[in-house]
Amino acid sequence: MNIYAIEDHKIKCVTLNAGYDYHKEIAEKHLEVGKEYTVLRTYVDSYHTDILIKEIPDIKFNSVFFEDVQKQSKEDNEKHPDYWYYH
Protein backbone atom coordinates (compact mmCIF):
# COMPACT_ATOMS: atom_id res chain seq x y z
CA MET A 1 0.00 0.00 0.00
CA ASN A 2 0.99 3.62 -0.38
CA ILE A 3 2.76 4.51 2.87
CA TYR A 4 2.00 8.19 2.22
CA ALA A 5 -1.76 7.62 2.19
CA ILE A 6 -3.59 10.63 3.54
CA GLU A 7 -6.70 10.69 5.70
CA ASP A 8 -9.79 9.05 4.15
CA HIS A 9 -7.72 6.98 1.68
CA LYS A 10 -9.34 3.54 1.28
CA ILE A 11 -7.28 0.40 1.87
CA LYS A 12 -8.12 -3.30 1.99
CA CYS A 13 -6.71 -5.98 4.27
CA VAL A 14 -5.11 -8.65 2.05
CA THR A 15 -3.30 -10.86 4.58
CA LEU A 16 -2.89 -11.54 8.27
CA ASN A 17 0.39 -13.39 7.78
CA ALA A 18 3.03 -10.68 7.47
CA GLY A 19 5.30 -8.51 9.58
CA TYR A 20 6.74 -9.40 12.95
CA ASP A 21 4.95 -11.83 15.29
CA TYR A 22 3.49 -9.04 17.41
CA HIS A 23 2.14 -7.36 14.24
CA LYS A 24 0.45 -10.64 13.26
CA GLU A 25 -1.12 -11.06 16.70
CA ILE A 26 -2.65 -7.59 16.55
CA ALA A 27 -3.86 -8.06 12.97
CA GLU A 28 -5.41 -11.47 13.65
CA LYS A 29 -7.30 -10.03 16.62
CA HIS A 30 -8.71 -6.95 14.85
CA LEU A 31 -8.56 -7.17 11.03
CA GLU A 32 -10.51 -9.15 8.47
CA VAL A 33 -9.01 -10.20 5.13
CA GLY A 34 -10.95 -8.69 2.23
CA LYS A 35 -12.46 -5.91 4.32
CA GLU A 36 -11.94 -2.27 3.37
CA TYR A 37 -10.73 0.27 5.91
CA THR A 38 -10.23 4.04 5.95
CA VAL A 39 -6.85 5.60 6.73
CA LEU A 40 -6.74 8.03 9.62
CA ARG A 41 -2.93 8.52 9.57
CA THR A 42 0.23 6.70 8.53
CA TYR A 43 3.52 6.98 10.41
CA VAL A 44 6.39 6.35 8.00
CA ASP A 45 9.66 4.97 9.40
CA SER A 46 12.75 3.52 7.81
CA TYR A 47 11.87 -0.07 8.88
CA HIS A 48 8.09 -0.18 8.61
CA THR A 49 5.04 2.05 8.44
CA ASP A 50 2.34 2.09 11.11
CA ILE A 51 -1.24 2.89 10.18
CA LEU A 52 -4.17 4.15 12.19
CA ILE A 53 -7.51 3.34 10.63
CA LYS A 54 -10.77 5.14 11.36
CA GLU A 55 -12.62 1.92 12.11
CA ILE A 56 -10.15 1.02 14.92
CA PRO A 57 -8.45 4.35 15.74
CA ASP A 58 -6.66 3.34 18.93
CA ILE A 59 -4.50 0.53 17.44
CA LYS A 60 -1.55 0.89 15.06
CA PHE A 61 -1.21 -1.70 12.29
CA ASN A 62 1.74 -2.47 10.03
CA SER A 63 1.16 -1.40 6.42
CA VAL A 64 2.11 -4.87 5.11
CA PHE A 65 -1.42 -6.12 5.80
CA PHE A 66 -3.03 -3.74 3.32
CA GLU A 67 -3.26 -2.74 -0.34
CA ASP A 68 -4.74 0.41 -1.84
CA VAL A 69 -8.32 0.27 -3.09
CA GLN A 70 -7.51 3.15 -5.46
CA LYS A 71 -4.24 4.80 -6.35
CA GLN A 72 -3.49 8.10 -4.61
CA SER A 73 -2.10 10.99 -6.66
CA LYS A 74 1.46 12.28 -6.32
CA GLU A 75 0.01 15.62 -5.24
CA ASP A 76 -1.81 13.91 -2.37
CA ASN A 77 1.36 12.00 -1.45
CA GLU A 78 3.14 15.32 -1.06
CA LYS A 79 0.50 16.44 1.46
CA HIS A 80 1.54 13.70 3.88
CA PRO A 81 3.53 15.08 6.85
CA ASP A 82 6.33 12.47 6.46
CA TYR A 83 6.67 12.69 2.67
CA TRP A 84 9.42 15.30 2.44
CA TYR A 85 11.43 13.72 5.24
CA TYR A 86 11.97 10.59 3.12
CA HIS A 87 12.25 12.26 -0.31
C-alpha atoms as a PDB file:
ATOM      1  CA  MET A   1       0.000   0.000   0.000  1.00  0.00           C
ATOM      2  CA  ASN A   2       0.993   3.617  -0.378  1.00  0.00           C
ATOM      3  CA  ILE A   3       2.760   4.508   2.868  1.00  0.00           C
ATOM      4  CA  TYR A   4       1.996   8.192   2.221  1.00  0.00           C
ATOM      5  CA  ALA A   5      -1.762   7.616   2.191  1.00  0.00           C
ATOM      6  CA  ILE A   6      -3.590  10.630   3.536  1.00  0.00           C
ATOM      7  CA  GLU A   7      -6.703  10.689   5.705  1.00  0.00           C
ATOM      8  CA  ASP A   8      -9.785   9.052   4.155  1.00  0.00           C
ATOM      9  CA  HIS A   9      -7.724   6.982   1.678  1.00  0.00           C
ATOM     10  CA  LYS A  10      -9.337   3.541   1.278  1.00  0.00           C
ATOM     11  CA  ILE A  11      -7.278   0.399   1.875  1.00  0.00           C
ATOM     12  CA  LYS A  12      -8.121  -3.302   1.987  1.00  0.00           C
ATOM     13  CA  CYS A  13      -6.706  -5.980   4.271  1.00  0.00           C
ATOM     14  CA  VAL A  14      -5.113  -8.650   2.052  1.00  0.00           C
ATOM     15  CA  THR A  15      -3.296 -10.863   4.581  1.00  0.00           C
ATOM     16  CA  LEU A  16      -2.893 -11.537   8.275  1.00  0.00           C
ATOM     17  CA  ASN A  17       0.390 -13.390   7.779  1.00  0.00           C
ATOM     18  CA  ALA A  18       3.027 -10.675   7.469  1.00  0.00           C
ATOM     19  CA  GLY A  19       5.301  -8.511   9.578  1.00  0.00           C
ATOM     20  CA  TYR A  20       6.743  -9.403  12.954  1.00  0.00           C
ATOM     21  CA  ASP A  21       4.950 -11.833  15.285  1.00  0.00           C
ATOM     22  CA  TYR A  22       3.488  -9.041  17.413  1.00  0.00           C
ATOM     23  CA  HIS A  23       2.138  -7.363  14.244  1.00  0.00           C
ATOM     24  CA  LYS A  24       0.448 -10.636  13.263  1.00  0.00           C
ATOM     25  CA  GLU A  25      -1.115 -11.059  16.701  1.00  0.00           C
ATOM     26  CA  ILE A  26      -2.654  -7.589  16.555  1.00  0.00           C
ATOM     27  CA  ALA A  27      -3.855  -8.062  12.974  1.00  0.00           C
ATOM     28  CA  GLU A  28      -5.407 -11.468  13.652  1.00  0.00           C
ATOM     29  CA  LYS A  29      -7.298 -10.032  16.618  1.00  0.00           C
ATOM     30  CA  HIS A  30      -8.712  -6.950  14.853  1.00  0.00           C
ATOM     31  CA  LEU A  31      -8.560  -7.165  11.034  1.00  0.00           C
ATOM     32  CA  GLU A  32     -10.508  -9.155   8.470  1.00  0.00           C
ATOM     33  CA  VAL A  33      -9.011 -10.201   5.126  1.00  0.00           C
ATOM     34  CA  GLY A  34     -10.952  -8.691   2.227  1.00  0.00           C
ATOM     35  CA  LYS A  35     -12.459  -5.910   4.323  1.00  0.00           C
ATOM     36  CA  GLU A  36     -11.940  -2.267   3.367  1.00  0.00           C
ATOM     37  CA  TYR A  37     -10.733   0.270   5.913  1.00  0.00           C
ATOM     38  CA  THR A  38     -10.229   4.039   5.952  1.00  0.00           C
ATOM     39  CA  VAL A  39      -6.848   5.600   6.727  1.00  0.00           C
ATOM     40  CA  LEU A  40      -6.740   8.025   9.619  1.00  0.00           C
ATOM     41  CA  ARG A  41      -2.930   8.524   9.571  1.00  0.00           C
ATOM     42  CA  THR A  42       0.230   6.697   8.534  1.00  0.00           C
ATOM     43  CA  TYR A  43       3.520   6.985  10.406  1.00  0.00           C
ATOM     44  CA  VAL A  44       6.388   6.348   8.005  1.00  0.00           C
ATOM     45  CA  ASP A  45       9.657   4.973   9.405  1.00  0.00           C
ATOM     46  CA  SER A  46      12.750   3.522   7.806  1.00  0.00           C
ATOM     47  CA  TYR A  47      11.873  -0.066   8.881  1.00  0.00           C
ATOM     48  CA  HIS A  48       8.087  -0.181   8.614  1.00  0.00           C
ATOM     49  CA  THR A  49       5.044   2.055   8.445  1.00  0.00           C
ATOM     50  CA  ASP A  50       2.342   2.091  11.107  1.00  0.00           C
ATOM     51  CA  ILE A  51      -1.238   2.892  10.184  1.00  0.00           C
ATOM     52  CA  LEU A  52      -4.167   4.153  12.191  1.00  0.00           C
ATOM     53  CA  ILE A  53      -7.506   3.336  10.627  1.00  0.00           C
ATOM     54  CA  LYS A  54     -10.765   5.136  11.358  1.00  0.00           C
ATOM     55  CA  GLU A  55     -12.623   1.917  12.109  1.00  0.00           C
ATOM     56  CA  ILE A  56     -10.155   1.017  14.923  1.00  0.00           C
ATOM     57  CA  PRO A  57      -8.455   4.346  15.742  1.00  0.00           C
ATOM     58  CA  ASP A  58      -6.662   3.336  18.932  1.00  0.00           C
ATOM     59  CA  ILE A  59      -4.503   0.529  17.444  1.00  0.00           C
ATOM     60  CA  LYS A  60      -1.551   0.890  15.055  1.00  0.00           C
ATOM     61  CA  PHE A  61      -1.209  -1.697  12.290  1.00  0.00           C
ATOM     62  CA  ASN A  62       1.743  -2.474  10.035  1.00  0.00           C
ATOM     63  CA  SER A  63       1.164  -1.403   6.415  1.00  0.00           C
ATOM     64  CA  VAL A  64       2.113  -4.874   5.111  1.00  0.00           C
ATOM     65  CA  PHE A  65      -1.418  -6.121   5.803  1.00  0.00           C
ATOM     66  CA  PHE A  66      -3.031  -3.741   3.317  1.00  0.00           C
ATOM     67  CA  GLU A  67      -3.256  -2.738  -0.339  1.00  0.00           C
ATOM     68  CA  ASP A  68      -4.742   0.407  -1.839  1.00  0.00           C
ATOM     69  CA  VAL A  69      -8.318   0.266  -3.093  1.00  0.00           C
ATOM     70  CA  GLN A  70      -7.515   3.150  -5.463  1.00  0.00           C
ATOM     71  CA  LYS A  71      -4.236   4.800  -6.350  1.00  0.00           C
ATOM     72  CA  GLN A  72      -3.494   8.098  -4.608  1.00  0.00           C
ATOM     73  CA  SER A  73      -2.103  10.985  -6.662  1.00  0.00           C
ATOM     74  CA  LYS A  74       1.457  12.281  -6.317  1.00  0.00           C
ATOM     75  CA  GLU A  75       0.011  15.623  -5.240  1.00  0.00           C
ATOM     76  CA  ASP A  76      -1.806  13.914  -2.368  1.00  0.00           C
ATOM     77  CA  ASN A  77       1.361  11.996  -1.452  1.00  0.00           C
ATOM     78  CA  GLU A  78       3.142  15.319  -1.059  1.00  0.00           C
ATOM     79  CA  LYS A  79       0.498  16.440   1.464  1.00  0.00           C
ATOM     80  CA  HIS A  80       1.541  13.698   3.884  1.00  0.00           C
ATOM     81  CA  PRO A  81       3.535  15.078   6.850  1.00  0.00           C
ATOM     82  CA  ASP A  82       6.325  12.473   6.464  1.00  0.00           C
ATOM     83  CA  TYR A  83       6.674  12.685   2.670  1.00  0.00           C
ATOM     84  CA  TRP A  84       9.416  15.303   2.440  1.00  0.00           C
ATOM     85  CA  TYR A  85      11.433  13.717   5.238  1.00  0.00           C
ATOM     86  CA  TYR A  86      11.975  10.585   3.121  1.00  0.00           C
ATOM     87  CA  HIS A  87      12.252  12.261  -0.309  1.00  0.00           C
END
